[in-house]
C-alpha cells in the first residue's frame, strides 16, 4: 500500500515539473502513472518549453 502512495506522489511531482512544458501537468502526471515516474522524467527532460503565445508576449512587453 505504501508503494502505491509513493508511486502516486512521484507521479504528482512529475506533473508539477511539467506544468510549463508542452503536455502540461495532466499530460505528464497521467503518462508517469501509466508508464513510470522515471519515464515521466525522461519525457520532461526531452521536451522543450511551451511556446509563448503572442498575447503573453505583448502583455510582458507592456509590463516592462
Protein backbone atom coordinates (compact mmCIF):
# COMPACT_ATOMS: atom_id res chain seq x y z
CA UNK A 1 0.00 0.00 0.00
CA UNK A 2 2.81 2.42 0.84
CA UNK A 3 4.44 1.66 -2.52
CA UNK A 4 1.29 2.80 -4.35
CA UNK A 5 1.18 6.06 -2.40
CA UNK A 6 4.85 6.76 -3.11
CA UNK A 7 4.30 5.95 -6.81
CA UNK A 8 1.38 8.40 -6.99
CA UNK A 9 3.35 11.05 -5.11
CA UNK A 10 6.27 10.78 -7.54
CA UNK A 11 3.86 10.93 -10.47
CA UNK A 12 2.31 14.06 -8.97
CA UNK A 13 5.76 15.65 -8.64
CA UNK A 14 6.48 14.82 -12.28
CA UNK A 15 3.24 16.58 -13.18
CA UNK A 16 4.28 19.66 -11.21
CA UNK A 17 7.63 19.70 -13.00
CA UNK A 18 5.81 19.55 -16.33
CA UNK A 19 3.48 22.49 -15.78
CA UNK A 20 5.37 24.76 -18.20
CA UNK A 21 6.08 22.02 -20.72
CA UNK A 22 4.02 21.20 -23.84
CA UNK A 23 1.91 18.41 -22.27
CA UNK A 24 1.21 20.33 -19.08
CA UNK A 25 0.54 18.95 -15.62
CA UNK A 26 -2.07 16.34 -16.52
CA UNK A 27 -0.16 15.06 -19.55
CA UNK A 28 2.96 14.29 -17.57
CA UNK A 29 1.06 13.12 -14.50
CA UNK A 30 -1.02 10.60 -16.47
CA UNK A 31 1.96 9.45 -18.55
CA UNK A 32 4.04 8.85 -15.42
CA UNK A 33 1.15 6.97 -13.82
CA UNK A 34 0.69 4.74 -16.87
CA UNK A 35 4.38 4.24 -17.67
CA UNK A 36 6.63 5.02 -14.68
CA UNK A 37 7.87 8.19 -12.99
CA UNK A 38 11.33 7.51 -14.45
CA UNK A 39 9.88 7.59 -17.96
CA UNK A 40 7.99 10.76 -16.99
CA UNK A 41 11.27 12.39 -16.01
CA UNK A 42 12.78 11.36 -19.32
CA UNK A 43 9.83 12.88 -21.15
CA UNK A 44 10.25 16.15 -19.27
CA UNK A 45 13.98 16.20 -19.99
CA UNK A 46 13.38 15.55 -23.69
CA UNK A 47 10.66 18.17 -24.16
CA UNK A 48 11.26 21.86 -24.61
CA UNK A 49 9.44 24.78 -23.07
CA UNK A 50 5.88 25.58 -24.07
CA UNK A 51 5.84 28.24 -26.79
CA UNK A 52 4.82 31.68 -25.57
CA UNK A 53 1.58 32.96 -27.07
CA UNK A 54 1.51 36.29 -28.83
CA UNK A 55 -0.83 37.84 -26.27
CA UNK A 56 1.50 36.77 -23.43
CA UNK A 57 4.47 38.37 -25.20
CA UNK A 58 2.57 41.61 -25.68
CA UNK A 59 1.47 41.73 -22.04
CA UNK A 60 5.04 41.09 -20.90
CA UNK A 61 6.27 43.88 -23.17
CA UNK A 62 3.67 46.31 -21.83
CA UNK A 63 4.51 45.41 -18.21
CA UNK A 64 8.23 46.13 -18.77
